[in-house]
Amino acid sequence: MYLIDTNIFLEILLEQDKCRECEALLNNIRNSSLMFYVSSFTLHSIEVTMIRNNKMNELIEFLSDVIASRIIRIDTNTNEELNILKIMKKLKLDFDDSIQFYICQKNDFQIISYDKHFDKTTIKRFEPKDVRL
């Protein structure tokens, strides 16, 4: 089971260098029997970014694609976020990485991300090109 990090979606939405690689991953997820997850924090971060960049139509399309791809949304509660702050301090990760780390650790997920900060943690990081479906 995999958690998809924010940067994977932003590569596509902001048409960055690895856009095609990320699009291929998301297209392949639709036909996969594996489980894929996204944190609520990721979705909110993307929503804020897209709205600030005046990309409402693209955001609507993105959210519709997430629903269609069967990527499961996972939340954290306030008690968990207190634990996340402790992780942030202990591992010297920023808050968003700490949320992703916590979710992966709690659920025994691996993460799909370009963020190499995860390489110094106990969770396994994959880039989209390395995920075998």
C-alpha atoms as a PDB file:
ATOM      1  CA  MET A   1       0.000   0.000   0.000  1.00  0.00           C
ATOM      2  CA  TYR A   2       1.222   3.432  -0.921  1.00  0.00           C
ATOM      3  CA  LEU A   3       0.698   7.010   0.188  1.00  0.00           C
ATOM      4  CA  ILE A   4       1.066   9.499  -2.650  1.00  0.00           C
ATOM      5  CA  ASP A   5       2.912  12.653  -1.627  1.00  0.00           C
ATOM      6  CA  THR A   6       1.812  16.152  -2.589  1.00  0.00           C
ATOM      7  CA  ASN A   7       4.702  16.712  -4.996  1.00  0.00           C
ATOM      8  CA  ILE A   8       3.502  13.912  -7.287  1.00  0.00           C
ATOM      9  CA  PHE A   9       0.226  15.690  -7.944  1.00  0.00           C
ATOM     10  CA  LEU A  10       1.826  19.131  -8.183  1.00  0.00           C
ATOM     11  CA  GLU A  11       4.212  17.867 -10.871  1.00  0.00           C
ATOM     12  CA  ILE A  12       1.154  17.296 -13.038  1.00  0.00           C
ATOM     13  CA  LEU A  13      -0.945  20.279 -12.015  1.00  0.00           C
ATOM     14  CA  LEU A  14       1.900  22.761 -12.377  1.00  0.00           C
ATOM     15  CA  GLU A  15       3.280  21.029 -15.502  1.00  0.00           C
ATOM     16  CA  GLN A  16       6.722  20.489 -14.032  1.00  0.00           C
ATOM     17  CA  ASP A  17       9.632  18.396 -15.314  1.00  0.00           C
ATOM     18  CA  LYS A  18       8.381  14.966 -14.235  1.00  0.00           C
ATOM     19  CA  CYS A  19       4.763  15.567 -15.199  1.00  0.00           C
ATOM     20  CA  ARG A  20       4.549  12.688 -17.711  1.00  0.00           C
ATOM     21  CA  GLU A  21       6.048  10.187 -15.275  1.00  0.00           C
ATOM     22  CA  CYS A  22       3.471  11.159 -12.635  1.00  0.00           C
ATOM     23  CA  GLU A  23       0.607  11.072 -15.127  1.00  0.00           C
ATOM     24  CA  ALA A  24       1.616   7.545 -16.145  1.00  0.00           C
ATOM     25  CA  LEU A  25       1.563   6.452 -12.506  1.00  0.00           C
ATOM     26  CA  LEU A  26      -1.901   7.891 -11.905  1.00  0.00           C
ATOM     27  CA  ASN A  27      -3.234   6.339 -15.107  1.00  0.00           C
ATOM     28  CA  ASN A  28      -1.850   2.943 -14.064  1.00  0.00           C
ATOM     29  CA  ILE A  29      -3.382   3.228 -10.595  1.00  0.00           C
ATOM     30  CA  ARG A  30      -6.857   3.074 -12.127  1.00  0.00           C
ATOM     31  CA  ASN A  31      -6.255  -0.505 -13.273  1.00  0.00           C
ATOM     32  CA  SER A  32      -4.273  -1.668 -10.266  1.00  0.00           C
ATOM     33  CA  SER A  33      -5.462  -3.959  -7.517  1.00  0.00           C
ATOM     34  CA  LEU A  34      -3.064  -2.249  -5.092  1.00  0.00           C
ATOM     35  CA  MET A  35      -4.356   0.300  -2.608  1.00  0.00           C
ATOM     36  CA  PHE A  36      -3.284   3.934  -2.910  1.00  0.00           C
ATOM     37  CA  TYR A  37      -3.925   6.699  -0.411  1.00  0.00           C
ATOM     38  CA  VAL A  38      -3.654  10.465  -0.193  1.00  0.00           C
ATOM     39  CA  SER A  39      -3.669  12.521   2.977  1.00  0.00           C
ATOM     40  CA  SER A  40      -6.274  15.181   3.554  1.00  0.00           C
ATOM     41  CA  PHE A  41      -3.350  17.518   4.148  1.00  0.00           C
ATOM     42  CA  THR A  42      -2.122  16.846   0.609  1.00  0.00           C
ATOM     43  CA  LEU A  43      -5.514  17.552  -0.886  1.00  0.00           C
ATOM     44  CA  HIS A  44      -5.909  20.766   1.097  1.00  0.00           C
ATOM     45  CA  SER A  45      -2.415  21.909   0.120  1.00  0.00           C
ATOM     46  CA  ILE A  46      -3.201  21.322  -3.538  1.00  0.00           C
ATOM     47  CA  GLU A  47      -6.551  23.067  -3.240  1.00  0.00           C
ATOM     48  CA  VAL A  48      -4.931  26.145  -1.705  1.00  0.00           C
ATOM     49  CA  THR A  49      -2.170  26.179  -4.339  1.00  0.00           C
ATOM     50  CA  MET A  50      -4.558  25.830  -7.256  1.00  0.00           C
ATOM     51  CA  ILE A  51      -7.001  28.435  -5.965  1.00  0.00           C
ATOM     52  CA  ARG A  52      -4.156  30.907  -5.352  1.00  0.00           C
ATOM     53  CA  ASN A  53      -3.009  30.312  -8.925  1.00  0.00           C
ATOM     54  CA  ASN A  54      -6.535  30.927 -10.218  1.00  0.00           C
ATOM     55  CA  LYS A  55      -6.849  27.359 -11.539  1.00  0.00           C
ATOM     56  CA  MET A  56     -10.319  26.468 -10.315  1.00  0.00           C
ATOM     57  CA  ASN A  57     -11.273  24.432 -13.399  1.00  0.00           C
ATOM     58  CA  GLU A  58      -8.069  22.414 -13.165  1.00  0.00           C
ATOM     59  CA  LEU A  59      -8.738  21.831  -9.463  1.00  0.00           C
ATOM     60  CA  ILE A  60     -12.241  20.553 -10.190  1.00  0.00           C
ATOM     61  CA  GLU A  61     -10.810  18.211 -12.814  1.00  0.00           C
ATOM     62  CA  PHE A  62      -8.070  17.055 -10.429  1.00  0.00           C
ATOM     63  CA  LEU A  63     -10.495  16.235  -7.609  1.00  0.00           C
ATOM     64  CA  SER A  64     -12.738  14.390 -10.054  1.00  0.00           C
ATOM     65  CA  ASP A  65      -9.717  12.379 -11.247  1.00  0.00           C
ATOM     66  CA  VAL A  66      -8.805  11.467  -7.661  1.00  0.00           C
ATOM     67  CA  ILE A  67     -12.329  10.184  -7.108  1.00  0.00           C
ATOM     68  CA  ALA A  68     -12.315   8.241 -10.386  1.00  0.00           C
ATOM     69  CA  SER A  69      -8.915   6.686  -9.685  1.00  0.00           C
ATOM     70  CA  ARG A  70     -10.137   5.242  -6.378  1.00  0.00           C
ATOM     71  CA  ILE A  71      -7.295   6.828  -4.409  1.00  0.00           C
ATOM     72  CA  ILE A  72      -8.468   6.721  -0.802  1.00  0.00           C
ATOM     73  CA  ARG A  73      -8.336   9.847   1.339  1.00  0.00           C
ATOM     74  CA  ILE A  74      -6.910   9.434   4.834  1.00  0.00           C
ATOM     75  CA  ASP A  75      -7.252  11.942   7.673  1.00  0.00           C
ATOM     76  CA  THR A  76      -5.418  12.760  10.861  1.00  0.00           C
ATOM     77  CA  ASN A  77      -7.106  13.960  14.022  1.00  0.00           C
ATOM     78  CA  THR A  78      -5.944  16.544  16.534  1.00  0.00           C
ATOM     79  CA  ASN A  79      -4.388  13.971  18.879  1.00  0.00           C
ATOM     80  CA  GLU A  80      -2.435  12.517  15.986  1.00  0.00           C
ATOM     81  CA  GLU A  81      -1.278  15.984  14.984  1.00  0.00           C
ATOM     82  CA  LEU A  82       0.200  16.440  18.456  1.00  0.00           C
ATOM     83  CA  ASN A  83       2.192  13.261  17.816  1.00  0.00           C
ATOM     84  CA  ILE A  84       3.134  14.589  14.395  1.00  0.00           C
ATOM     85  CA  LEU A  85       4.665  17.658  16.040  1.00  0.00           C
ATOM     86  CA  LYS A  86       6.813  15.358  18.173  1.00  0.00           C
ATOM     87  CA  ILE A  87       7.918  13.484  15.055  1.00  0.00           C
ATOM     88  CA  MET A  88       8.721  16.788  13.379  1.00  0.00           C
ATOM     89  CA  LYS A  89      10.981  17.747  16.239  1.00  0.00           C
ATOM     90  CA  LYS A  90      12.593  14.323  16.581  1.00  0.00           C
ATOM     91  CA  LEU A  91      13.258  13.659  12.891  1.00  0.00           C
ATOM     92  CA  LYS A  92      13.829  17.280  11.890  1.00  0.00           C
ATOM     93  CA  LEU A  93      11.235  17.091   9.131  1.00  0.00           C
ATOM     94  CA  ASP A  94       8.945  19.908   8.141  1.00  0.00           C
ATOM     95  CA  PHE A  95       5.296  19.656   9.141  1.00  0.00           C
ATOM     96  CA  ASP A  96       3.955  18.331   5.850  1.00  0.00           C
ATOM     97  CA  ASP A  97       6.625  15.622   5.648  1.00  0.00           C
ATOM     98  CA  SER A  98       5.934  14.703   9.263  1.00  0.00           C
ATOM     99  CA  ILE A  99       2.247  14.196   8.486  1.00  0.00           C
ATOM    100  CA  GLN A 100       3.109  11.930   5.577  1.00  0.00           C
ATOM    101  CA  PHE A 101       5.655  10.042   7.679  1.00  0.00           C
ATOM    102  CA  TYR A 102       3.138   9.545  10.497  1.00  0.00           C
ATOM    103  CA  ILE A 103       0.460   8.217   8.156  1.00  0.00           C
ATOM    104  CA  CYS A 104       2.925   5.814   6.532  1.00  0.00           C
ATOM    105  CA  GLN A 105       4.265   4.602   9.840  1.00  0.00           C
ATOM    106  CA  LYS A 106       0.817   4.162  11.397  1.00  0.00           C
ATOM    107  CA  ASN A 107      -0.583   2.250   8.410  1.00  0.00           C
ATOM    108  CA  ASP A 108       2.535   0.427   7.231  1.00  0.00           C
ATOM    109  CA  PHE A 109       2.494   2.332   3.931  1.00  0.00           C
ATOM    110  CA  GLN A 110       5.330   3.110   1.587  1.00  0.00           C
ATOM    111  CA  ILE A 111       5.469   6.589   0.086  1.00  0.00           C
ATOM    112  CA  ILE A 112       5.582   7.720  -3.517  1.00  0.00           C
ATOM    113  CA  SER A 113       7.495  10.974  -3.504  1.00  0.00           C
ATOM    114  CA  TYR A 114      10.363  12.929  -4.972  1.00  0.00           C
ATOM    115  CA  ASP A 115      11.172  14.280  -1.514  1.00  0.00           C
ATOM    116  CA  LYS A 116      14.483  12.783  -0.421  1.00  0.00           C
ATOM    117  CA  HIS A 117      13.885  13.825   3.188  1.00  0.00           C
ATOM    118  CA  PHE A 118      12.035  10.532   3.570  1.00  0.00           C
ATOM    119  CA  ASP A 119      15.238   8.632   2.781  1.00  0.00           C
ATOM    120  CA  LYS A 120      16.543   9.423   6.263  1.00  0.00           C
ATOM    121  CA  THR A 121      13.454   7.859   7.863  1.00  0.00           C
ATOM    122  CA  THR A 122      12.282   4.281   8.328  1.00  0.00           C
ATOM    123  CA  ILE A 123       9.681   4.422   5.546  1.00  0.00           C
ATOM    124  CA  LYS A 124      10.454   3.238   2.033  1.00  0.00           C
ATOM    125  CA  ARG A 125      10.267   5.920  -0.661  1.00  0.00           C
ATOM    126  CA  PHE A 126       9.551   5.237  -4.303  1.00  0.00           C
ATOM    127  CA  GLU A 127       9.538   7.600  -7.241  1.00  0.00           C
ATOM    128  CA  PRO A 128       6.678   7.089  -9.716  1.00  0.00           C
ATOM    129  CA  LYS A 129       8.919   5.354 -12.244  1.00  0.00           C
ATOM    130  CA  ASP A 130       9.895   2.777  -9.605  1.00  0.00           C
ATOM    131  CA  VAL A 131       6.371   1.720  -8.600  1.00  0.00           C
ATOM    132  CA  ARG A 132       5.492  -1.672 -10.074  1.00  0.00           C
ATOM    133  CA  LEU A 133       1.764  -2.173 -10.491  1.00  0.00           C
END
